[in-house]
């Protein structure tokens, strides 16, 4: 499973906000991610909301069930 992780700076000293979204579209571009991150900043939907874009990455994770569900 792939997850898009976007990391933002906040006005709180030494604290970042990481927003993780599963299943990003294949081939998503840096420009698209930066636009989405700026929209999060511009809409101020968090109390101590993000005020800068620090970075983003796509994590590709494989889970192998060894026992149980």
PDB file of N, CA and C in Angstrom:
ATOM      1  N   UNK A   1       0.844  -1.178   0.000  1.00  0.00           N
ATOM      2  CA  UNK A   1       0.000   0.000   0.000  1.00  0.00           C
ATOM      3  C   UNK A   1       0.889   1.241   0.000  1.00  0.00           C
ATOM      4  N   UNK A   2       0.541   2.205  -0.817  1.00  0.00           N
ATOM      5  CA  UNK A   2       1.276   3.457  -0.861  1.00  0.00           C
ATOM      6  C   UNK A   2       0.544   4.516  -0.042  1.00  0.00           C
ATOM      7  N   UNK A   3       1.329   5.370   0.610  1.00  0.00           N
ATOM      8  CA  UNK A   3       0.797   6.466   1.410  1.00  0.00           C
ATOM      9  C   UNK A   3       1.579   7.723   1.092  1.00  0.00           C
ATOM     10  N   UNK A   4       0.874   8.811   0.854  1.00  0.00           N
ATOM     11  CA  UNK A   4       1.495  10.115   0.670  1.00  0.00           C
ATOM     12  C   UNK A   4       1.598  10.780   2.030  1.00  0.00           C
ATOM     13  N   UNK A   5       2.824  11.115   2.441  1.00  0.00           N
ATOM     14  CA  UNK A   5       3.043  11.808   3.710  1.00  0.00           C
ATOM     15  C   UNK A   5       3.508  13.226   3.411  1.00  0.00           C
ATOM     16  N   UNK A   6       2.761  14.198   3.908  1.00  0.00           N
ATOM     17  CA  UNK A   6       3.102  15.607   3.702  1.00  0.00           C
ATOM     18  C   UNK A   6       3.483  16.192   5.060  1.00  0.00           C
ATOM     19  N   UNK A   7       4.642  16.808   5.130  1.00  0.00           N
ATOM     20  CA  UNK A   7       5.144  17.357   6.388  1.00  0.00           C
ATOM     21  C   UNK A   7       5.121  18.877   6.329  1.00  0.00           C
ATOM     22  N   UNK A   8       4.481  19.458   7.343  1.00  0.00           N
ATOM     23  CA  UNK A   8       4.306  20.911   7.429  1.00  0.00           C
ATOM     24  C   UNK A   8       5.009  21.449   8.668  1.00  0.00           C
ATOM     25  N   UNK A   9       5.480  22.677   8.591  1.00  0.00           N
ATOM     26  CA  UNK A   9       5.937  23.389   9.775  1.00  0.00           C
ATOM     27  C   UNK A   9       4.737  24.036  10.444  1.00  0.00           C
ATOM     28  N   UNK A  10       4.821  24.240  11.752  1.00  0.00           N
ATOM     29  CA  UNK A  10       3.738  24.878  12.497  1.00  0.00           C
ATOM     30  C   UNK A  10       4.296  26.035  13.315  1.00  0.00           C
ATOM     31  N   UNK A  11       3.404  26.894  13.846  1.00  0.00           N
ATOM     32  CA  UNK A  11       3.880  27.997  14.684  1.00  0.00           C
ATOM     33  C   UNK A  11       4.366  27.543  16.060  1.00  0.00           C
ATOM     34  N   UNK A  12       4.135  26.282  16.412  1.00  0.00           N
ATOM     35  CA  UNK A  12       4.583  25.749  17.698  1.00  0.00           C
ATOM     36  C   UNK A  12       6.047  25.317  17.549  1.00  0.00           C
ATOM     37  N   UNK A  13       6.893  25.801  18.416  1.00  0.00           N
ATOM     38  CA  UNK A  13       8.328  25.518  18.324  1.00  0.00           C
ATOM     39  C   UNK A  13       8.616  24.022  18.306  1.00  0.00           C
ATOM     40  N   UNK A  14       9.449  23.613  17.382  1.00  0.00           N
ATOM     41  CA  UNK A  14       9.919  22.224  17.271  1.00  0.00           C
ATOM     42  C   UNK A  14       8.812  21.201  17.051  1.00  0.00           C
ATOM     43  N   UNK A  15       7.678  21.617  16.505  1.00  0.00           N
ATOM     44  CA  UNK A  15       6.602  20.670  16.208  1.00  0.00           C
ATOM     45  C   UNK A  15       6.213  20.774  14.735  1.00  0.00           C
ATOM     46  N   UNK A  16       6.130  19.621  14.110  1.00  0.00           N
ATOM     47  CA  UNK A  16       5.677  19.544  12.730  1.00  0.00           C
ATOM     48  C   UNK A  16       4.343  18.816  12.687  1.00  0.00           C
ATOM     49  N   UNK A  17       3.619  19.030  11.615  1.00  0.00           N
ATOM     50  CA  UNK A  17       2.365  18.321  11.372  1.00  0.00           C
ATOM     51  C   UNK A  17       2.596  17.411  10.177  1.00  0.00           C
ATOM     52  N   UNK A  18       2.291  16.127  10.341  1.00  0.00           N
ATOM     53  CA  UNK A  18       2.413  15.182   9.235  1.00  0.00           C
ATOM     54  C   UNK A  18       1.009  14.713   8.879  1.00  0.00           C
ATOM     55  N   UNK A  19       0.634  14.920   7.637  1.00  0.00           N
ATOM     56  CA  UNK A  19      -0.667  14.508   7.129  1.00  0.00           C
ATOM     57  C   UNK A  19      -0.418  13.334   6.185  1.00  0.00           C
ATOM     58  N   UNK A  20      -0.975  12.171   6.503  1.00  0.00           N
ATOM     59  CA  UNK A  20      -0.781  10.955   5.709  1.00  0.00           C
ATOM     60  C   UNK A  20      -2.076  10.582   5.013  1.00  0.00           C
ATOM     61  N   UNK A  21      -1.995  10.372   3.721  1.00  0.00           N
ATOM     62  CA  UNK A  21      -3.166  10.013   2.924  1.00  0.00           C
ATOM     63  C   UNK A  21      -2.868   8.738   2.138  1.00  0.00           C
ATOM     64  N   UNK A  22      -3.693   7.707   2.316  1.00  0.00           N
ATOM     65  CA  UNK A  22      -3.451   6.458   1.602  1.00  0.00           C
ATOM     66  C   UNK A  22      -3.845   6.566   0.123  1.00  0.00           C
ATOM     67  N   UNK A  23      -3.227   5.721  -0.670  1.00  0.00           N
ATOM     68  CA  UNK A  23      -3.568   5.541  -2.079  1.00  0.00           C
ATOM     69  C   UNK A  23      -3.442   6.819  -2.927  1.00  0.00           C
ATOM     70  N   UNK A  24      -2.281   7.464  -2.936  1.00  0.00           N
ATOM     71  CA  UNK A  24      -2.127   8.609  -3.843  1.00  0.00           C
ATOM     72  C   UNK A  24      -2.194   8.109  -5.286  1.00  0.00           C
ATOM     73  N   UNK A  25      -2.623   8.982  -6.172  1.00  0.00           N
ATOM     74  CA  UNK A  25      -2.731   8.555  -7.567  1.00  0.00           C
ATOM     75  C   UNK A  25      -1.347   8.257  -8.131  1.00  0.00           C
ATOM     76  N   UNK A  26      -1.305   7.324  -9.047  1.00  0.00           N
ATOM     77  CA  UNK A  26      -0.051   6.941  -9.682  1.00  0.00           C
ATOM     78  C   UNK A  26       0.469   8.123 -10.503  1.00  0.00           C
ATOM     79  N   UNK A  27       1.724   8.427 -10.345  1.00  0.00           N
ATOM     80  CA  UNK A  27       2.329   9.498 -11.122  1.00  0.00           C
ATOM     81  C   UNK A  27       2.069  10.898 -10.597  1.00  0.00           C
ATOM     82  N   UNK A  28       1.610  11.030  -9.352  1.00  0.00           N
ATOM     83  CA  UNK A  28       1.361  12.362  -8.783  1.00  0.00           C
ATOM     84  C   UNK A  28       2.666  13.158  -8.843  1.00  0.00           C
ATOM     85  N   UNK A  29       2.570  14.434  -9.192  1.00  0.00           N
ATOM     86  CA  UNK A  29       3.765  15.251  -9.391  1.00  0.00           C
ATOM     87  C   UNK A  29       4.072  16.109  -8.169  1.00  0.00           C
ATOM     88  N   UNK A  30       5.287  16.602  -8.118  1.00  0.00           N
ATOM     89  CA  UNK A  30       5.680  17.507  -7.050  1.00  0.00           C
ATOM     90  C   UNK A  30       4.788  18.745  -7.057  1.00  0.00           C
ATOM     91  N   UNK A  31       4.496  19.266  -8.231  1.00  0.00           N
ATOM     92  CA  UNK A  31       3.653  20.467  -8.328  1.00  0.00           C
ATOM     93  C   UNK A  31       2.257  20.209  -7.757  1.00  0.00           C
ATOM     94  N   UNK A  32       1.690  19.049  -8.035  1.00  0.00           N
ATOM     95  CA  UNK A  32       0.363  18.707  -7.511  1.00  0.00           C
ATOM     96  C   UNK A  32       0.384  18.595  -5.990  1.00  0.00           C
ATOM     97  N   UNK A  33       1.433  17.990  -5.466  1.00  0.00           N
ATOM     98  CA  UNK A  33       1.542  17.843  -4.014  1.00  0.00           C
ATOM     99  C   UNK A  33       1.730  19.207  -3.358  1.00  0.00           C
ATOM    100  N   UNK A  34       2.587  20.048  -3.937  1.00  0.00           N
ATOM    101  CA  UNK A  34       2.798  21.380  -3.379  1.00  0.00           C
ATOM    102  C   UNK A  34       1.514  22.203  -3.398  1.00  0.00           C
ATOM    103  N   UNK A  35       0.727  22.082  -4.461  1.00  0.00           N
ATOM    104  CA  UNK A  35      -0.553  22.782  -4.549  1.00  0.00           C
ATOM    105  C   UNK A  35      -1.511  22.304  -3.462  1.00  0.00           C
ATOM    106  N   UNK A  36      -1.568  20.991  -3.260  1.00  0.00           N
ATOM    107  CA  UNK A  36      -2.437  20.435  -2.213  1.00  0.00           C
ATOM    108  C   UNK A  36      -1.991  20.899  -0.830  1.00  0.00           C
ATOM    109  N   UNK A  37      -0.687  20.907  -0.601  1.00  0.00           N
ATOM    110  CA  UNK A  37      -0.167  21.348   0.693  1.00  0.00           C
ATOM    111  C   UNK A  37      -0.479  22.822   0.932  1.00  0.00           C
ATOM    112  N   UNK A  38      -0.351  23.629  -0.099  1.00  0.00           N
ATOM    113  CA  UNK A  38      -0.649  25.056   0.052  1.00  0.00           C
ATOM    114  C   UNK A  38      -2.130  25.268   0.350  1.00  0.00           C
ATOM    115  N   UNK A  39      -2.992  24.442  -0.243  1.00  0.00           N
ATOM    116  CA  UNK A  39      -4.433  24.538   0.029  1.00  0.00           C
ATOM    117  C   UNK A  39      -4.723  24.234   1.501  1.00  0.00           C
ATOM    118  N   UNK A  40      -4.034  23.253   2.070  1.00  0.00           N
ATOM    119  CA  UNK A  40      -4.206  22.941   3.495  1.00  0.00           C
ATOM    120  C   UNK A  40      -3.810  24.148   4.340  1.00  0.00           C
ATOM    121  N   UNK A  41      -2.694  24.778   3.984  1.00  0.00           N
ATOM    122  CA  UNK A  41      -2.232  25.960   4.714  1.00  0.00           C
ATOM    123  C   UNK A  41      -3.228  27.108   4.564  1.00  0.00           C
ATOM    124  N   UNK A  42      -3.650  27.374   3.334  1.00  0.00           N
ATOM    125  CA  UNK A  42      -4.523  28.517   3.038  1.00  0.00           C
ATOM    126  C   UNK A  42      -5.894  28.412   3.706  1.00  0.00           C
ATOM    127  N   UNK A  43      -6.409  27.195   3.859  1.00  0.00           N
ATOM    128  CA  UNK A  43      -7.757  27.026   4.412  1.00  0.00           C
ATOM    129  C   UNK A  43      -7.795  26.963   5.934  1.00  0.00           C
ATOM    130  N   UNK A  44      -6.635  26.952   6.576  1.00  0.00           N
ATOM    131  CA  UNK A  44      -6.524  27.035   8.036  1.00  0.00           C
ATOM    132  C   UNK A  44      -7.533  26.130   8.755  1.00  0.00           C
ATOM    133  N   UNK A  45      -7.478  24.840   8.457  1.00  0.00           N
ATOM    134  CA  UNK A  45      -8.461  23.914   9.030  1.00  0.00           C
ATOM    135  C   UNK A  45      -8.006  23.291  10.353  1.00  0.00           C
ATOM    136  N   UNK A  46      -6.785  23.613  10.806  1.00  0.00           N
ATOM    137  CA  UNK A  46      -6.274  23.091  12.070  1.00  0.00           C
ATOM    138  C   UNK A  46      -6.067  24.239  13.046  1.00  0.00           C
ATOM    139  N   UNK A  47      -6.238  23.976  14.344  1.00  0.00           N
ATOM    140  CA  UNK A  47      -6.115  25.018  15.372  1.00  0.00           C
ATOM    141  C   UNK A  47      -4.718  25.625  15.364  1.00  0.00           C
ATOM    142  N   UNK A  48      -3.703  24.802  15.555  1.00  0.00           N
ATOM    143  CA  UNK A  48      -2.315  25.280  15.464  1.00  0.00           C
ATOM    144  C   UNK A  48      -1.802  24.842  14.102  1.00  0.00           C
ATOM    145  N   UNK A  49      -2.435  25.378  13.089  1.00  0.00           N
ATOM    146  CA  UNK A  49      -2.253  24.896  11.733  1.00  0.00           C
ATOM    147  C   UNK A  49      -0.883  25.081  11.143  1.00  0.00           C
ATOM    148  N   UNK A  50      -0.664  24.367  10.065  1.00  0.00           N
ATOM    149  CA  UNK A  50       0.618  24.458   9.381  1.00  0.00           C
ATOM    150  C   UNK A  50       0.800  25.843   8.759  1.00  0.00           C
ATOM    151  N   UNK A  51       2.060  26.280   8.720  1.00  0.00           N
ATOM    152  CA  UNK A  51       2.344  27.575   8.103  1.00  0.00           C
ATOM    153  C   UNK A  51       3.447  27.496   7.066  1.00  0.00           C
ATOM    154  N   UNK A  52       3.967  26.288   6.837  1.00  0.00           N
ATOM    155  CA  UNK A  52       4.986  26.118   5.791  1.00  0.00           C
ATOM    156  C   UNK A  52       5.016  24.673   5.313  1.00  0.00           C
ATOM    157  N   UNK A  53       5.473  24.498   4.094  1.00  0.00           N
ATOM    158  CA  UNK A  53       5.629  23.155   3.524  1.00  0.00           C
ATOM    159  C   UNK A  53       7.083  22.733   3.733  1.00  0.00           C
ATOM    160  N   UNK A  54       7.274  21.625   4.435  1.00  0.00           N
ATOM    161  CA  UNK A  54       8.636  21.155   4.692  1.00  0.00           C
ATOM    162  C   UNK A  54       9.063  20.047   3.742  1.00  0.00           C
ATOM    163  N   UNK A  55       8.113  19.222   3.313  1.00  0.00           N
ATOM    164  CA  UNK A  55       8.469  18.130   2.419  1.00  0.00           C
ATOM    165  C   UNK A  55       7.347  17.137   2.280  1.00  0.00           C
ATOM    166  N   UNK A  56       7.557  16.203   1.370  1.00  0.00           N
ATOM    167  CA  UNK A  56       6.565  15.155   1.143  1.00  0.00           C
ATOM    168  C   UNK A  56       7.283  13.915   0.635  1.00  0.00           C
ATOM    169  N   UNK A  57       6.704  12.768   0.934  1.00  0.00           N
ATOM    170  CA  UNK A  57       7.229  11.525   0.391  1.00  0.00           C
ATOM    171  C   UNK A  57       6.094  10.532   0.206  1.00  0.00           C
ATOM    172  N   UNK A  58       6.372   9.552  -0.630  1.00  0.00           N
ATOM    173  CA  UNK A  58       5.422   8.466  -0.841  1.00  0.00           C
ATOM    174  C   UNK A  58       6.063   7.218  -0.260  1.00  0.00           C
ATOM    175  N   UNK A  59       5.364   6.615   0.697  1.00  0.00           N
ATOM    176  CA  UNK A  59       5.848   5.413   1.368  1.00  0.00           C
ATOM    177  C   UNK A  59       5.146   4.217   0.741  1.00  0.00           C
ATOM    178  N   UNK A  60       5.915   3.249   0.305  1.00  0.00           N
ATOM    179  CA  UNK A  60       5.369   2.017  -0.265  1.00  0.00           C
ATOM    180  C   UNK A  60       5.631   0.905   0.741  1.00  0.00           C
ATOM    181  N   UNK A  61       4.567   0.346   1.279  1.00  0.00           N
ATOM    182  CA  UNK A  61       4.682  -0.614   2.372  1.00  0.00           C
ATOM    183  C   UNK A  61       4.042  -1.937   1.989  1.00  0.00           C
ATOM    184  N   UNK A  62       4.714  -3.006   2.314  1.00  0.00           N
ATOM    185  CA  UNK A  62       4.177  -4.338   2.099  1.00  0.00           C
ATOM    186  C   UNK A  62       4.000  -5.020   3.446  1.00  0.00           C
ATOM    187  N   UNK A  63       2.831  -5.571   3.669  1.00  0.00           N
ATOM    188  CA  UNK A  63       2.540  -6.272   4.920  1.00  0.00           C
ATOM    189  C   UNK A  63       2.359  -7.742   4.608  1.00  0.00           C
ATOM    190  N   UNK A  64       3.079  -8.589   5.321  1.00  0.00           N
ATOM    191  CA  UNK A  64       2.942 -10.031   5.179  1.00  0.00           C
ATOM    192  C   UNK A  64       2.355 -10.567   6.479  1.00  0.00           C
ATOM    193  N   UNK A  65       1.161 -11.131   6.396  1.00  0.00           N
ATOM    194  CA  UNK A  65       0.509 -11.691   7.585  1.00  0.00           C
ATOM    195  C   UNK A  65       1.154 -13.029   7.893  1.00  0.00           C
ATOM    196  N   UNK A  66       1.647 -13.166   9.085  1.00  0.00           N
ATOM    197  CA  UNK A  66       2.300 -14.387   9.526  1.00  0.00           C
ATOM    198  C   UNK A  66       1.323 -15.258  10.299  1.00  0.00           C
ATOM    199  N   UNK A  67       0.425 -14.612  11.039  1.00  0.00           N
ATOM    200  CA  UNK A  67      -0.502 -15.352  11.884  1.00  0.00           C
ATOM    201  C   UNK A  67      -1.765 -14.546  12.070  1.00  0.00           C
ATOM    202  N   UNK A  68      -2.911 -15.141  11.979  1.00  0.00           N
ATOM    203  CA  UNK A  68      -4.198 -14.460  12.206  1.00  0.00           C
ATOM    204  C   UNK A  68      -4.607 -13.611  11.031  1.00  0.00           C
ATOM    205  N   UNK A  69      -5.585 -12.751  11.305  1.00  0.00           N
ATOM    206  CA  UNK A  69      -6.102 -11.882  10.242  1.00  0.00           C
ATOM    207  C   UNK A  69      -5.266 -10.665  10.196  1.00  0.00           C
TER     208      UNK A  69
END
